[in-house]
N, C-alpha and C. Protein backbone atom coordinates (compact mmCIF):
# COMPACT_ATOMS: atom_id res chain seq x y z
N PRO A 1 321.91 -103.11 -104.96
CA PRO A 1 320.46 -102.94 -104.89
C PRO A 1 319.77 -103.61 -106.09
N GLY A 2 318.67 -104.30 -105.79
CA GLY A 2 317.96 -105.00 -106.84
C GLY A 2 318.37 -106.46 -106.98
N SER A 3 319.47 -106.84 -106.34
CA SER A 3 319.91 -108.24 -106.40
C SER A 3 319.15 -109.07 -105.37
N THR A 4 319.35 -110.39 -105.41
CA THR A 4 318.60 -111.30 -104.55
C THR A 4 319.54 -112.31 -103.89
N ILE A 5 319.34 -112.55 -102.61
CA ILE A 5 320.04 -113.60 -101.88
C ILE A 5 319.07 -114.77 -101.71
N ILE A 6 319.50 -115.96 -102.14
CA ILE A 6 318.71 -117.17 -101.92
C ILE A 6 319.41 -117.99 -100.84
N CYS A 7 318.74 -118.19 -99.72
CA CYS A 7 319.30 -118.96 -98.61
C CYS A 7 318.70 -120.36 -98.61
N SER A 8 319.53 -121.37 -98.91
CA SER A 8 319.05 -122.75 -98.92
C SER A 8 319.48 -123.51 -97.68
N SER A 9 320.12 -122.82 -96.74
CA SER A 9 320.51 -123.45 -95.48
C SER A 9 319.29 -123.68 -94.59
N THR A 10 319.43 -124.62 -93.65
CA THR A 10 318.41 -124.82 -92.62
C THR A 10 318.90 -124.13 -91.37
N ILE A 11 318.24 -123.03 -91.02
CA ILE A 11 318.63 -122.22 -89.88
C ILE A 11 317.37 -121.83 -89.09
N PHE A 12 317.55 -121.09 -88.02
CA PHE A 12 316.39 -120.63 -87.26
C PHE A 12 315.61 -119.59 -88.06
N PRO A 13 314.28 -119.62 -88.00
CA PRO A 13 313.49 -118.59 -88.67
C PRO A 13 313.93 -117.18 -88.29
N SER A 14 314.27 -116.98 -87.03
CA SER A 14 314.69 -115.65 -86.57
C SER A 14 315.97 -115.20 -87.27
N GLU A 15 316.84 -116.15 -87.62
CA GLU A 15 318.11 -115.80 -88.28
C GLU A 15 317.88 -115.29 -89.70
N ILE A 16 317.04 -115.99 -90.46
CA ILE A 16 316.81 -115.54 -91.84
C ILE A 16 316.01 -114.22 -91.84
N LYS A 17 315.16 -114.05 -90.83
CA LYS A 17 314.44 -112.77 -90.71
C LYS A 17 315.41 -111.63 -90.43
N GLU A 18 316.40 -111.90 -89.60
CA GLU A 18 317.40 -110.88 -89.27
C GLU A 18 318.20 -110.49 -90.52
N VAL A 19 318.56 -111.50 -91.30
CA VAL A 19 319.29 -111.23 -92.55
C VAL A 19 318.43 -110.38 -93.48
N ALA A 20 317.17 -110.79 -93.63
CA ALA A 20 316.27 -110.08 -94.54
C ALA A 20 316.08 -108.63 -94.11
N GLU A 21 315.90 -108.42 -92.84
CA GLU A 21 315.70 -107.06 -92.32
C GLU A 21 316.90 -106.18 -92.62
N ALA A 22 318.09 -106.76 -92.50
CA ALA A 22 319.31 -105.97 -92.72
C ALA A 22 319.52 -105.63 -94.20
N VAL A 23 319.35 -106.63 -95.07
CA VAL A 23 319.70 -106.40 -96.47
C VAL A 23 318.59 -105.70 -97.25
N GLU A 24 317.34 -105.88 -96.81
CA GLU A 24 316.26 -105.22 -97.53
C GLU A 24 316.34 -103.71 -97.39
N LYS A 25 316.99 -103.23 -96.32
CA LYS A 25 317.23 -101.79 -96.18
C LYS A 25 318.17 -101.28 -97.26
N LYS A 26 318.94 -102.19 -97.83
CA LYS A 26 319.88 -101.85 -98.90
C LYS A 26 319.27 -102.10 -100.28
N GLY A 27 317.99 -102.49 -100.31
CA GLY A 27 317.34 -102.76 -101.59
C GLY A 27 317.64 -104.14 -102.15
N ILE A 28 318.06 -105.04 -101.27
CA ILE A 28 318.38 -106.41 -101.69
C ILE A 28 317.27 -107.35 -101.22
N HIS A 29 316.83 -108.23 -102.11
CA HIS A 29 315.75 -109.16 -101.79
C HIS A 29 316.31 -110.44 -101.17
N VAL A 30 315.45 -111.12 -100.40
CA VAL A 30 315.83 -112.39 -99.78
C VAL A 30 314.79 -113.46 -100.14
N VAL A 31 315.30 -114.63 -100.48
CA VAL A 31 314.45 -115.80 -100.71
C VAL A 31 314.83 -116.84 -99.66
N ASP A 32 313.87 -117.21 -98.84
CA ASP A 32 314.05 -118.19 -97.76
C ASP A 32 313.68 -119.56 -98.32
N SER A 33 314.70 -120.37 -98.64
CA SER A 33 314.43 -121.61 -99.37
C SER A 33 315.24 -122.79 -98.87
N PRO A 34 314.96 -123.31 -97.67
CA PRO A 34 315.62 -124.54 -97.24
C PRO A 34 315.23 -125.69 -98.16
N VAL A 35 316.04 -126.73 -98.15
CA VAL A 35 315.86 -127.84 -99.08
C VAL A 35 315.79 -129.17 -98.34
N SER A 36 315.27 -130.18 -99.03
CA SER A 36 315.23 -131.54 -98.50
C SER A 36 315.49 -132.51 -99.64
N GLY A 37 316.11 -133.64 -99.29
CA GLY A 37 316.36 -134.66 -100.30
C GLY A 37 317.65 -135.41 -100.09
N GLY A 38 318.57 -134.80 -99.34
CA GLY A 38 319.83 -135.48 -99.04
C GLY A 38 320.79 -135.50 -100.21
N PRO A 39 321.96 -136.08 -100.00
CA PRO A 39 323.01 -136.09 -101.03
C PRO A 39 322.58 -136.76 -102.33
N ILE A 40 321.78 -137.82 -102.25
CA ILE A 40 321.40 -138.55 -103.47
C ILE A 40 320.57 -137.67 -104.39
N ARG A 41 319.51 -137.07 -103.86
CA ARG A 41 318.66 -136.23 -104.69
C ARG A 41 319.32 -134.91 -105.03
N SER A 42 320.20 -134.45 -104.15
CA SER A 42 320.94 -133.23 -104.45
C SER A 42 321.80 -133.42 -105.71
N ALA A 43 322.48 -134.56 -105.78
CA ALA A 43 323.34 -134.83 -106.93
C ALA A 43 322.54 -134.92 -108.23
N ARG A 44 321.29 -135.29 -108.13
CA ARG A 44 320.43 -135.41 -109.32
C ARG A 44 319.70 -134.12 -109.65
N GLY A 45 319.83 -133.12 -108.79
CA GLY A 45 319.07 -131.89 -108.99
C GLY A 45 317.59 -132.10 -108.73
N GLU A 46 317.28 -133.00 -107.79
CA GLU A 46 315.89 -133.37 -107.53
C GLU A 46 315.45 -133.04 -106.11
N LEU A 47 315.99 -131.98 -105.53
CA LEU A 47 315.63 -131.60 -104.18
C LEU A 47 314.20 -131.08 -104.10
N THR A 48 313.67 -131.08 -102.90
CA THR A 48 312.40 -130.40 -102.61
C THR A 48 312.73 -129.08 -101.94
N LEU A 49 312.18 -128.00 -102.47
CA LEU A 49 312.45 -126.65 -101.95
C LEU A 49 311.19 -126.09 -101.30
N MET A 50 311.36 -125.46 -100.14
CA MET A 50 310.27 -124.84 -99.40
C MET A 50 310.53 -123.33 -99.40
N VAL A 51 309.87 -122.60 -100.28
CA VAL A 51 310.29 -121.23 -100.58
C VAL A 51 309.32 -120.19 -100.01
N ALA A 52 309.89 -119.25 -99.27
CA ALA A 52 309.13 -118.10 -98.78
C ALA A 52 309.79 -116.84 -99.33
N ALA A 53 309.00 -115.99 -99.93
CA ALA A 53 309.50 -114.73 -100.51
C ALA A 53 308.30 -113.96 -101.06
N LYS A 54 308.53 -112.73 -101.39
CA LYS A 54 307.50 -112.00 -102.12
C LYS A 54 307.22 -112.75 -103.42
N LYS A 55 305.96 -112.84 -103.81
CA LYS A 55 305.59 -113.69 -104.94
C LYS A 55 306.32 -113.30 -106.22
N GLU A 56 306.50 -112.00 -106.43
CA GLU A 56 307.17 -111.58 -107.66
C GLU A 56 308.65 -111.97 -107.66
N ILE A 57 309.26 -111.96 -106.48
CA ILE A 57 310.67 -112.39 -106.36
C ILE A 57 310.77 -113.90 -106.55
N PHE A 58 309.84 -114.63 -105.97
CA PHE A 58 309.77 -116.09 -106.18
C PHE A 58 309.68 -116.42 -107.66
N ASP A 59 308.78 -115.75 -108.35
CA ASP A 59 308.61 -116.00 -109.79
C ASP A 59 309.88 -115.67 -110.56
N ASP A 60 310.54 -114.59 -110.20
CA ASP A 60 311.77 -114.19 -110.89
C ASP A 60 312.89 -115.21 -110.71
N CYS A 61 312.89 -115.89 -109.56
CA CYS A 61 313.97 -116.84 -109.23
C CYS A 61 313.66 -118.28 -109.64
N MET A 62 312.51 -118.50 -110.24
CA MET A 62 312.09 -119.87 -110.50
C MET A 62 313.09 -120.66 -111.34
N GLU A 63 313.68 -120.05 -112.33
CA GLU A 63 314.64 -120.77 -113.18
C GLU A 63 315.83 -121.26 -112.36
N ILE A 64 316.31 -120.43 -111.43
CA ILE A 64 317.43 -120.83 -110.57
C ILE A 64 316.99 -121.94 -109.61
N LEU A 65 315.81 -121.79 -109.02
CA LEU A 65 315.32 -122.79 -108.08
C LEU A 65 315.12 -124.14 -108.77
N ARG A 66 314.65 -124.11 -110.00
CA ARG A 66 314.43 -125.34 -110.75
C ARG A 66 315.74 -126.05 -111.11
N ALA A 67 316.84 -125.32 -111.06
CA ALA A 67 318.13 -125.94 -111.38
C ALA A 67 318.52 -126.98 -110.34
N ILE A 68 318.05 -126.82 -109.10
CA ILE A 68 318.39 -127.79 -108.06
C ILE A 68 317.16 -128.51 -107.51
N GLY A 69 315.98 -128.01 -107.82
CA GLY A 69 314.77 -128.57 -107.23
C GLY A 69 313.82 -129.20 -108.22
N LYS A 70 313.46 -130.43 -107.96
CA LYS A 70 312.41 -131.10 -108.75
C LYS A 70 311.05 -130.65 -108.26
N ASN A 71 310.93 -130.46 -106.95
CA ASN A 71 309.68 -130.03 -106.33
C ASN A 71 309.90 -128.69 -105.65
N VAL A 72 309.34 -127.65 -106.22
CA VAL A 72 309.52 -126.30 -105.68
C VAL A 72 308.17 -125.81 -105.17
N TYR A 73 308.08 -125.61 -103.86
CA TYR A 73 306.82 -125.21 -103.24
C TYR A 73 306.90 -123.79 -102.70
N TYR A 74 305.90 -123.00 -103.05
CA TYR A 74 305.78 -121.66 -102.50
C TYR A 74 304.98 -121.75 -101.21
N VAL A 75 305.60 -121.44 -100.07
CA VAL A 75 304.94 -121.63 -98.78
C VAL A 75 304.45 -120.32 -98.16
N GLY A 76 304.69 -119.21 -98.83
CA GLY A 76 304.20 -117.94 -98.32
C GLY A 76 305.16 -116.80 -98.56
N LYS A 77 304.68 -115.58 -98.37
CA LYS A 77 305.50 -114.41 -98.63
C LYS A 77 306.36 -113.99 -97.44
N GLU A 78 305.99 -114.47 -96.25
CA GLU A 78 306.70 -114.06 -95.04
C GLU A 78 308.02 -114.81 -94.89
N ILE A 79 309.12 -114.07 -94.86
CA ILE A 79 310.43 -114.67 -94.66
C ILE A 79 310.46 -115.38 -93.30
N GLY A 80 310.94 -116.61 -93.30
CA GLY A 80 310.94 -117.43 -92.10
C GLY A 80 310.00 -118.61 -92.22
N MET A 81 308.99 -118.49 -93.08
CA MET A 81 308.03 -119.58 -93.25
C MET A 81 308.67 -120.78 -93.95
N GLY A 82 309.67 -120.53 -94.78
CA GLY A 82 310.40 -121.64 -95.38
C GLY A 82 311.09 -122.46 -94.30
N GLN A 83 311.72 -121.76 -93.35
CA GLN A 83 312.42 -122.44 -92.26
C GLN A 83 311.45 -123.18 -91.33
N VAL A 84 310.28 -122.59 -91.10
CA VAL A 84 309.28 -123.26 -90.27
C VAL A 84 308.80 -124.54 -90.95
N THR A 85 308.57 -124.46 -92.26
CA THR A 85 308.14 -125.65 -93.01
C THR A 85 309.21 -126.73 -92.93
N LYS A 86 310.47 -126.35 -93.09
CA LYS A 86 311.56 -127.33 -93.00
C LYS A 86 311.63 -127.93 -91.60
N ALA A 87 311.44 -127.12 -90.58
CA ALA A 87 311.50 -127.62 -89.20
C ALA A 87 310.40 -128.65 -88.95
N ALA A 88 309.21 -128.39 -89.47
CA ALA A 88 308.11 -129.34 -89.33
C ALA A 88 308.43 -130.63 -90.09
N HIS A 89 308.99 -130.47 -91.26
CA HIS A 89 309.39 -131.63 -92.07
C HIS A 89 310.42 -132.48 -91.33
N GLN A 90 311.38 -131.83 -90.69
CA GLN A 90 312.44 -132.56 -90.00
C GLN A 90 311.93 -133.30 -88.77
N VAL A 91 310.84 -132.82 -88.19
CA VAL A 91 310.20 -133.56 -87.10
C VAL A 91 309.83 -134.96 -87.59
N LEU A 92 309.22 -135.02 -88.76
CA LEU A 92 308.81 -136.31 -89.31
C LEU A 92 310.02 -137.15 -89.71
N VAL A 93 311.03 -136.51 -90.30
CA VAL A 93 312.23 -137.24 -90.71
C VAL A 93 312.95 -137.83 -89.50
N GLY A 94 313.14 -137.01 -88.47
CA GLY A 94 313.82 -137.49 -87.27
C GLY A 94 313.09 -138.63 -86.60
N ALA A 95 311.78 -138.51 -86.48
CA ALA A 95 310.98 -139.58 -85.89
C ALA A 95 311.04 -140.85 -86.73
N THR A 96 311.09 -140.67 -88.05
CA THR A 96 311.17 -141.83 -88.95
C THR A 96 312.48 -142.57 -88.78
N PHE A 97 313.58 -141.84 -88.70
CA PHE A 97 314.88 -142.49 -88.49
C PHE A 97 314.90 -143.27 -87.17
N ALA A 98 314.38 -142.65 -86.12
CA ALA A 98 314.36 -143.32 -84.82
C ALA A 98 313.47 -144.56 -84.87
N GLY A 99 312.32 -144.45 -85.50
CA GLY A 99 311.39 -145.57 -85.60
C GLY A 99 311.95 -146.71 -86.44
N MET A 100 312.59 -146.37 -87.56
CA MET A 100 313.20 -147.40 -88.40
C MET A 100 314.25 -148.17 -87.62
N ALA A 101 315.08 -147.45 -86.88
CA ALA A 101 316.15 -148.10 -86.12
C ALA A 101 315.58 -149.06 -85.10
N GLU A 102 314.58 -148.62 -84.35
CA GLU A 102 313.98 -149.48 -83.34
C GLU A 102 313.32 -150.71 -83.96
N ALA A 103 312.61 -150.50 -85.06
CA ALA A 103 311.91 -151.61 -85.71
C ALA A 103 312.88 -152.68 -86.20
N LEU A 104 313.95 -152.26 -86.86
CA LEU A 104 314.91 -153.22 -87.42
C LEU A 104 315.69 -153.94 -86.33
N VAL A 105 316.12 -153.22 -85.32
CA VAL A 105 316.88 -153.85 -84.23
C VAL A 105 315.99 -154.83 -83.47
N LEU A 106 314.74 -154.47 -83.25
CA LEU A 106 313.81 -155.38 -82.57
C LEU A 106 313.67 -156.68 -83.36
N GLY A 107 313.44 -156.56 -84.67
CA GLY A 107 313.24 -157.75 -85.49
C GLY A 107 314.46 -158.65 -85.52
N VAL A 108 315.63 -158.05 -85.71
CA VAL A 108 316.86 -158.84 -85.77
C VAL A 108 317.17 -159.47 -84.42
N LYS A 109 316.98 -158.73 -83.36
CA LYS A 109 317.23 -159.26 -82.01
C LYS A 109 316.36 -160.49 -81.75
N ALA A 110 315.13 -160.46 -82.28
CA ALA A 110 314.19 -161.56 -82.05
C ALA A 110 314.35 -162.69 -83.05
N GLY A 111 315.30 -162.54 -84.00
CA GLY A 111 315.62 -163.67 -84.86
C GLY A 111 315.23 -163.57 -86.32
N VAL A 112 314.64 -162.46 -86.75
CA VAL A 112 314.27 -162.31 -88.15
C VAL A 112 315.45 -161.74 -88.93
N LYS A 113 315.69 -162.25 -90.13
CA LYS A 113 316.79 -161.76 -90.94
C LYS A 113 316.51 -160.32 -91.39
N ALA A 114 317.58 -159.54 -91.48
CA ALA A 114 317.44 -158.14 -91.89
C ALA A 114 316.84 -158.02 -93.27
N GLU A 115 317.22 -158.93 -94.19
CA GLU A 115 316.69 -158.89 -95.55
C GLU A 115 315.18 -159.08 -95.58
N VAL A 116 314.69 -159.96 -94.70
CA VAL A 116 313.26 -160.21 -94.64
C VAL A 116 312.53 -158.96 -94.13
N LEU A 117 313.06 -158.37 -93.08
CA LEU A 117 312.45 -157.16 -92.55
C LEU A 117 312.43 -156.05 -93.60
N TYR A 118 313.53 -155.93 -94.33
CA TYR A 118 313.63 -154.90 -95.38
C TYR A 118 312.56 -155.10 -96.45
N GLU A 119 312.40 -156.32 -96.90
CA GLU A 119 311.41 -156.60 -97.95
C GLU A 119 309.99 -156.36 -97.46
N VAL A 120 309.69 -156.85 -96.27
CA VAL A 120 308.33 -156.73 -95.75
C VAL A 120 307.98 -155.27 -95.45
N MET A 121 308.84 -154.60 -94.70
CA MET A 121 308.55 -153.22 -94.33
C MET A 121 308.59 -152.29 -95.54
N GLY A 122 309.50 -152.58 -96.46
CA GLY A 122 309.61 -151.74 -97.65
C GLY A 122 308.40 -151.80 -98.55
N SER A 123 307.65 -152.93 -98.47
CA SER A 123 306.46 -153.08 -99.32
C SER A 123 305.18 -152.75 -98.57
N GLY A 124 305.29 -152.53 -97.26
CA GLY A 124 304.11 -152.20 -96.46
C GLY A 124 303.82 -150.72 -96.45
N VAL A 125 302.89 -150.33 -95.57
CA VAL A 125 302.47 -148.93 -95.54
C VAL A 125 303.59 -148.00 -95.07
N ALA A 126 304.59 -148.53 -94.36
CA ALA A 126 305.69 -147.70 -93.87
C ALA A 126 306.82 -147.56 -94.88
N GLY A 127 306.71 -148.30 -95.99
CA GLY A 127 307.75 -148.22 -97.01
C GLY A 127 307.80 -146.84 -97.64
N SER A 128 309.00 -146.33 -97.87
CA SER A 128 309.19 -144.99 -98.43
C SER A 128 310.57 -144.90 -99.05
N PHE A 129 310.82 -143.82 -99.77
CA PHE A 129 312.16 -143.58 -100.31
C PHE A 129 313.18 -143.55 -99.19
N LEU A 130 312.83 -142.89 -98.09
CA LEU A 130 313.75 -142.78 -96.95
C LEU A 130 314.04 -144.16 -96.36
N PHE A 131 313.01 -144.96 -96.16
CA PHE A 131 313.20 -146.30 -95.60
C PHE A 131 314.07 -147.15 -96.52
N LYS A 132 313.70 -147.23 -97.78
CA LYS A 132 314.39 -148.14 -98.69
C LYS A 132 315.85 -147.73 -98.90
N THR A 133 316.09 -146.44 -99.00
CA THR A 133 317.47 -145.97 -99.21
C THR A 133 318.31 -146.17 -97.95
N THR A 134 317.78 -145.75 -96.82
CA THR A 134 318.54 -145.82 -95.57
C THR A 134 318.83 -147.25 -95.14
N ILE A 135 317.81 -148.10 -95.16
CA ILE A 135 317.99 -149.46 -94.66
C ILE A 135 318.86 -150.29 -95.60
N LYS A 136 318.81 -150.01 -96.88
CA LYS A 136 319.72 -150.67 -97.82
C LYS A 136 321.17 -150.34 -97.46
N GLN A 137 321.43 -149.08 -97.17
CA GLN A 137 322.77 -148.65 -96.78
C GLN A 137 323.16 -149.26 -95.43
N VAL A 138 322.21 -149.34 -94.50
CA VAL A 138 322.49 -149.92 -93.19
C VAL A 138 322.91 -151.38 -93.34
N MET A 139 322.17 -152.13 -94.14
CA MET A 139 322.47 -153.55 -94.30
C MET A 139 323.83 -153.77 -94.97
N GLU A 140 324.26 -152.80 -95.74
CA GLU A 140 325.58 -152.86 -96.36
C GLU A 140 326.65 -152.24 -95.47
N ARG A 141 326.22 -151.78 -94.28
CA ARG A 141 327.08 -151.13 -93.29
C ARG A 141 327.76 -149.90 -93.88
N ASP A 142 326.99 -149.17 -94.66
CA ASP A 142 327.45 -147.92 -95.27
C ASP A 142 326.84 -146.77 -94.48
N PHE A 143 327.67 -146.07 -93.73
CA PHE A 143 327.20 -144.96 -92.91
C PHE A 143 327.87 -143.65 -93.31
N LYS A 144 328.15 -143.51 -94.61
CA LYS A 144 328.81 -142.30 -95.10
C LYS A 144 328.08 -141.66 -96.27
N SER A 145 326.99 -142.26 -96.74
CA SER A 145 326.37 -141.82 -97.99
C SER A 145 325.23 -140.82 -97.81
N SER A 146 324.70 -140.69 -96.60
CA SER A 146 323.60 -139.75 -96.36
C SER A 146 324.10 -138.55 -95.57
N GLY A 147 323.17 -137.69 -95.16
CA GLY A 147 323.54 -136.49 -94.43
C GLY A 147 324.16 -136.81 -93.08
N ASN A 148 325.12 -136.01 -92.66
CA ASN A 148 325.84 -136.23 -91.41
C ASN A 148 324.91 -136.19 -90.21
N ILE A 149 325.19 -137.02 -89.22
CA ILE A 149 324.37 -137.10 -88.01
C ILE A 149 324.30 -135.76 -87.29
N GLY A 150 325.39 -135.00 -87.32
CA GLY A 150 325.41 -133.70 -86.66
C GLY A 150 324.46 -132.71 -87.30
N THR A 151 324.31 -132.79 -88.62
CA THR A 151 323.41 -131.89 -89.33
C THR A 151 321.96 -132.17 -88.95
N MET A 152 321.60 -133.44 -88.90
CA MET A 152 320.23 -133.80 -88.54
C MET A 152 319.95 -133.45 -87.09
N HIS A 153 320.93 -133.63 -86.22
CA HIS A 153 320.77 -133.26 -84.81
C HIS A 153 320.54 -131.75 -84.69
N LYS A 154 321.29 -130.99 -85.46
CA LYS A 154 321.12 -129.53 -85.48
C LYS A 154 319.72 -129.16 -85.94
N ASP A 155 319.26 -129.82 -87.00
CA ASP A 155 317.93 -129.52 -87.55
C ASP A 155 316.83 -129.79 -86.53
N LEU A 156 316.93 -130.92 -85.83
CA LEU A 156 315.91 -131.23 -84.84
C LEU A 156 315.97 -130.26 -83.66
N GLY A 157 317.16 -129.75 -83.38
CA GLY A 157 317.29 -128.73 -82.34
C GLY A 157 316.50 -127.48 -82.70
N ILE A 158 316.50 -127.13 -83.98
CA ILE A 158 315.70 -125.99 -84.45
C ILE A 158 314.22 -126.29 -84.26
N SER A 159 313.80 -127.50 -84.63
CA SER A 159 312.39 -127.89 -84.46
C SER A 159 311.99 -127.81 -82.99
N MET A 160 312.85 -128.29 -82.11
CA MET A 160 312.56 -128.27 -80.68
C MET A 160 312.43 -126.84 -80.17
N GLN A 161 313.30 -125.95 -80.66
CA GLN A 161 313.26 -124.57 -80.21
C GLN A 161 311.98 -123.87 -80.67
N ILE A 162 311.55 -124.16 -81.89
CA ILE A 162 310.30 -123.57 -82.38
C ILE A 162 309.13 -124.08 -81.54
N GLY A 163 309.16 -125.37 -81.20
CA GLY A 163 308.13 -125.90 -80.31
C GLY A 163 308.11 -125.19 -78.98
N GLU A 164 309.30 -124.88 -78.46
CA GLU A 164 309.40 -124.14 -77.20
C GLU A 164 308.80 -122.75 -77.33
N GLU A 165 309.08 -122.09 -78.45
CA GLU A 165 308.56 -120.73 -78.66
C GLU A 165 307.03 -120.70 -78.69
N TYR A 166 306.43 -121.77 -79.20
CA TYR A 166 304.97 -121.83 -79.30
C TYR A 166 304.34 -122.65 -78.18
N ASN A 167 305.15 -122.99 -77.17
CA ASN A 167 304.66 -123.74 -76.02
C ASN A 167 303.99 -125.05 -76.46
N LEU A 168 304.61 -125.70 -77.46
CA LEU A 168 304.06 -126.93 -78.03
C LEU A 168 304.96 -128.11 -77.67
N PRO A 169 304.46 -129.08 -76.92
CA PRO A 169 305.28 -130.25 -76.60
C PRO A 169 305.48 -131.12 -77.84
N LEU A 170 306.72 -131.53 -78.07
CA LEU A 170 307.05 -132.39 -79.20
C LEU A 170 307.64 -133.68 -78.64
N TYR A 171 306.77 -134.55 -78.20
CA TYR A 171 307.19 -135.76 -77.47
C TYR A 171 308.09 -136.66 -78.31
N THR A 172 307.63 -137.03 -79.49
CA THR A 172 308.38 -137.95 -80.34
C THR A 172 309.67 -137.31 -80.82
N THR A 173 309.59 -136.03 -81.13
CA THR A 173 310.77 -135.31 -81.58
C THR A 173 311.84 -135.29 -80.50
N ALA A 174 311.43 -135.13 -79.27
CA ALA A 174 312.38 -135.09 -78.15
C ALA A 174 313.13 -136.41 -78.02
N VAL A 175 312.42 -137.51 -78.17
CA VAL A 175 313.08 -138.82 -78.10
C VAL A 175 314.06 -138.99 -79.25
N ALA A 176 313.63 -138.64 -80.46
CA ALA A 176 314.51 -138.74 -81.63
C ALA A 176 315.73 -137.84 -81.46
N TYR A 177 315.52 -136.65 -80.92
CA TYR A 177 316.61 -135.70 -80.70
C TYR A 177 317.66 -136.29 -79.75
N GLU A 178 317.22 -136.93 -78.69
CA GLU A 178 318.15 -137.53 -77.73
C GLU A 178 318.87 -138.74 -78.33
N MET A 179 318.17 -139.51 -79.15
CA MET A 179 318.81 -140.63 -79.84
C MET A 179 319.90 -140.14 -80.79
N LEU A 180 319.60 -139.07 -81.49
CA LEU A 180 320.58 -138.48 -82.40
C LEU A 180 321.76 -137.89 -81.64
N LYS A 181 321.47 -137.30 -80.49
CA LYS A 181 322.55 -136.73 -79.67
C LYS A 181 323.51 -137.83 -79.22
N ALA A 182 322.95 -138.97 -78.76
CA ALA A 182 323.78 -140.09 -78.34
C ALA A 182 324.62 -140.61 -79.50
N THR A 183 324.00 -140.69 -80.67
CA THR A 183 324.70 -141.20 -81.85
C THR A 183 325.79 -140.24 -82.30
N LYS A 184 325.52 -138.96 -82.21
CA LYS A 184 326.53 -137.96 -82.58
C LYS A 184 327.74 -138.08 -81.68
N GLY A 185 327.52 -138.39 -80.41
CA GLY A 185 328.63 -138.57 -79.49
C GLY A 185 329.44 -139.82 -79.76
N LEU A 186 328.75 -140.89 -80.16
CA LEU A 186 329.42 -142.17 -80.41
C LEU A 186 330.04 -142.25 -81.80
N PHE A 187 329.33 -141.72 -82.80
CA PHE A 187 329.75 -141.88 -84.19
C PHE A 187 329.67 -140.53 -84.93
N PRO A 188 330.45 -139.55 -84.52
CA PRO A 188 330.31 -138.18 -85.04
C PRO A 188 330.60 -138.03 -86.54
N GLU A 189 331.34 -138.95 -87.12
CA GLU A 189 331.68 -138.84 -88.54
C GLU A 189 330.70 -139.57 -89.44
N ASP A 190 329.74 -140.27 -88.85
CA ASP A 190 328.80 -141.07 -89.64
C ASP A 190 327.58 -140.26 -90.06
N ASP A 191 326.78 -140.86 -90.95
CA ASP A 191 325.56 -140.20 -91.37
C ASP A 191 324.43 -140.53 -90.40
N VAL A 192 323.25 -139.98 -90.69
CA VAL A 192 322.14 -140.10 -89.74
C VAL A 192 321.65 -141.54 -89.59
N GLY A 193 321.90 -142.38 -90.59
CA GLY A 193 321.52 -143.78 -90.47
C GLY A 193 322.21 -144.49 -89.33
N ALA A 194 323.31 -143.91 -88.84
CA ALA A 194 324.07 -144.53 -87.75
C ALA A 194 323.31 -144.55 -86.44
N VAL A 195 322.14 -143.90 -86.38
CA VAL A 195 321.34 -143.97 -85.16
C VAL A 195 321.04 -145.43 -84.82
N ILE A 196 320.99 -146.29 -85.85
CA ILE A 196 320.73 -147.70 -85.60
C ILE A 196 321.90 -148.36 -84.88
N LYS A 197 323.12 -147.84 -85.07
CA LYS A 197 324.30 -148.42 -84.41
C LYS A 197 324.24 -148.23 -82.89
N THR A 198 323.64 -147.14 -82.46
CA THR A 198 323.50 -146.90 -81.03
C THR A 198 322.60 -147.96 -80.40
N LEU A 199 321.49 -148.28 -81.07
CA LEU A 199 320.59 -149.32 -80.57
C LEU A 199 321.21 -150.70 -80.72
N GLU A 200 321.95 -150.91 -81.81
CA GLU A 200 322.62 -152.19 -82.00
C GLU A 200 323.59 -152.48 -80.85
N ARG A 201 324.28 -151.44 -80.43
CA ARG A 201 325.24 -151.60 -79.32
C ARG A 201 324.50 -152.02 -78.05
N MET A 202 323.34 -151.47 -77.81
CA MET A 202 322.55 -151.85 -76.64
C MET A 202 322.03 -153.28 -76.75
N ALA A 203 321.63 -153.66 -77.96
CA ALA A 203 320.99 -154.97 -78.17
C ALA A 203 321.98 -156.10 -78.41
N GLY A 204 323.21 -155.76 -78.79
CA GLY A 204 324.21 -156.77 -79.08
C GLY A 204 323.98 -157.48 -80.40
N VAL A 205 323.37 -156.78 -81.39
CA VAL A 205 323.14 -157.34 -82.72
C VAL A 205 323.54 -156.32 -83.77
N GLU A 206 323.63 -156.78 -85.02
CA GLU A 206 323.84 -155.88 -86.15
C GLU A 206 322.80 -156.16 -87.21
N VAL A 207 322.25 -155.08 -87.77
CA VAL A 207 321.31 -155.19 -88.87
C VAL A 207 322.13 -155.17 -90.16
N LYS A 208 322.38 -156.37 -90.71
CA LYS A 208 323.23 -156.47 -91.89
C LYS A 208 322.79 -157.68 -92.72
N LYS A 209 323.29 -157.70 -93.94
CA LYS A 209 322.99 -158.83 -94.83
C LYS A 209 323.57 -160.11 -94.22
N THR A 210 322.81 -161.18 -94.35
CA THR A 210 323.28 -162.45 -93.82
C THR A 210 323.82 -163.38 -94.91
N THR A 211 323.64 -162.98 -96.17
CA THR A 211 324.15 -163.79 -97.29
C THR A 211 324.95 -162.93 -98.24
C-alpha cells in the first residue's frame, strides 16, 4: 500500500483501467504512461511520455519519468487517457509510414533517384525526424533498427478499436493498418519501415542508394 505502478506499455485503455481498479483497492497507485520515440530515442532517454494519473502522484513520479523522458506531458487525471493519447498519436505515425512508403516507391518507379527524393522531401514541409530517420535506414536496406512491424500493427489495432467504440470512421488508419498487416505477414522479423518492401514488391523496384 502506498506504492505506485507505472505502466509504459501501449495497451487498450480498458486494460489499464482494469488494472487500476484492481490495485487501487489495495492502496496502490497507477500511472498510465505510454511512450513514443522508438529505440533511438529510448536509448538516449529522450522519449515522449503521455501521462495520466492523479496530479499529486504524477508530481511524485516526475523524477522517475524524467529518467526516460525528454518530453513528459500530463494529459489528465483519468486513467486511460494516456492510452487514448498514444492511440491518437499512432494514427498519425501509421499514416505517415504508409504515406512515406507510397511517395518513395512512386518516385523511384518513375525514375527519380532515392537520394534525390530523400533530400527534397526531407527539406520540405513533410520532412520530420521520423521521415529522415526511417528513409535513411530504408536506403541503407536496414530494417532492424526501428520498432518491430508487429508492434506497430498492434498499436494501430488499438486505435481502430477505439474508433469503433466511438463510432468514428478512421479511413486513413484503416488503409495503413492493412498495409502493416500485409507487411507483418511477409516480413514478420523486420521493423515498421519494411512497409515499403511490400510496395516495392508490387512495383518491382527498390528504394536504395544508387552510389
